[in-house]
Amino acid sequence: MANNASAKKCNRQSERHRLHNKYYAKSTRNAIRAIRNTTNKEEAQAAAPKVYKMIDKLAKVGIIHKNKAANLKSGIANYINKL
């Protein structure tokens, strides 16, 4: 439990940041899932740049690791090429 004002503030900020990061990570996962569930190559190619941008933002801010971002983007590209 927080004992002083600065620790209490840090806890409040951490909770806010956690919820913010969770929202964007979940939104990105849903977008990736939507691409992988589609069977239309044109739709997947149209959605890919937007999803790549979302993934890059998560990696830039540190929500996911840059290597994980690269692996996700590579997996999406491979899936689209196989369609």
Protein backbone atom coordinates (compact mmCIF):
# COMPACT_ATOMS: atom_id res chain seq x y z
CA MET A 1 0.00 0.00 0.00
CA ALA A 2 1.22 3.49 -0.82
CA ASN A 3 2.53 5.39 2.20
CA ASN A 4 2.97 8.88 0.81
CA ALA A 5 1.45 11.21 -1.72
CA SER A 6 4.01 10.57 -4.46
CA ALA A 7 3.53 6.80 -4.20
CA LYS A 8 -0.25 7.21 -4.37
CA LYS A 9 0.09 9.41 -7.45
CA CYS A 10 2.43 6.88 -9.06
CA ASN A 11 -0.17 4.15 -8.46
CA ARG A 12 -2.90 6.27 -10.05
CA GLN A 13 -0.73 7.00 -13.07
CA SER A 14 0.32 3.38 -13.44
CA GLU A 15 -3.30 2.24 -13.46
CA ARG A 16 -4.21 4.87 -16.08
CA HIS A 17 -1.26 3.88 -18.26
CA ARG A 18 -2.05 0.18 -17.86
CA LEU A 19 -5.62 0.66 -19.05
CA HIS A 20 -4.49 2.86 -21.94
CA ASN A 21 -1.90 0.31 -23.08
CA LYS A 22 -4.37 -2.55 -22.67
CA TYR A 23 -6.93 -0.78 -24.88
CA TYR A 24 -4.52 -0.18 -27.76
CA ALA A 25 -2.96 -3.65 -27.52
CA LYS A 26 -6.40 -5.28 -27.60
CA SER A 27 -7.52 -3.11 -30.52
CA THR A 28 -4.44 -4.14 -32.47
CA ARG A 29 -4.97 -7.82 -31.69
CA ASN A 30 -8.56 -7.57 -32.91
CA ALA A 31 -7.41 -5.90 -36.14
CA ILE A 32 -4.83 -8.64 -36.71
CA ARG A 33 -7.47 -11.28 -36.03
CA ALA A 34 -9.79 -9.63 -38.54
CA ILE A 35 -7.13 -9.81 -41.26
CA ARG A 36 -6.33 -13.44 -40.50
CA ASN A 37 -10.03 -14.38 -40.59
CA THR A 38 -10.65 -12.85 -44.00
CA THR A 39 -10.42 -14.93 -47.16
CA ASN A 40 -10.50 -12.01 -49.57
CA LYS A 41 -6.99 -10.96 -50.61
CA GLU A 42 -8.02 -7.43 -51.66
CA GLU A 43 -9.66 -6.70 -48.30
CA ALA A 44 -6.64 -8.02 -46.43
CA GLN A 45 -4.25 -5.92 -48.54
CA ALA A 46 -6.37 -2.82 -47.97
CA ALA A 47 -6.41 -3.33 -44.19
CA ALA A 48 -2.73 -4.28 -43.85
CA PRO A 49 -1.15 -0.77 -43.86
CA LYS A 50 -3.49 0.37 -41.10
CA VAL A 51 -2.64 -2.66 -38.97
CA TYR A 52 1.08 -2.25 -39.66
CA LYS A 53 0.80 1.32 -38.42
CA MET A 54 -0.94 0.17 -35.24
CA ILE A 55 1.76 -2.45 -34.61
CA ASP A 56 4.55 0.07 -35.21
CA LYS A 57 3.00 2.48 -32.72
CA LEU A 58 2.81 -0.22 -30.06
CA ALA A 59 6.47 -1.07 -30.60
CA LYS A 60 7.54 2.58 -30.62
CA VAL A 61 5.88 3.31 -27.28
CA GLY A 62 7.17 0.07 -25.75
CA ILE A 63 3.88 -1.78 -25.30
CA ILE A 64 5.28 -4.64 -27.37
CA HIS A 65 8.88 -5.47 -28.25
CA LYS A 66 10.20 -4.40 -31.63
CA ASN A 67 11.01 -8.01 -32.57
CA LYS A 68 7.47 -9.08 -31.75
CA ALA A 69 6.21 -6.26 -33.97
CA ALA A 70 8.42 -7.46 -36.81
CA ASN A 71 7.20 -11.04 -36.35
CA LEU A 72 3.55 -9.95 -36.37
CA LYS A 73 4.00 -7.89 -39.52
CA SER A 74 5.87 -10.73 -41.20
CA GLY A 75 3.12 -13.20 -40.30
CA ILE A 76 0.45 -10.92 -41.72
CA ALA A 77 2.42 -10.45 -44.94
CA ASN A 78 2.91 -14.21 -45.30
CA TYR A 79 -0.79 -14.83 -44.75
CA ILE A 80 -1.78 -12.22 -47.34
CA ASN A 81 0.68 -13.66 -49.89
CA LYS A 82 -0.77 -17.16 -49.43
CA LEU A 83 -4.32 -15.97 -50.16
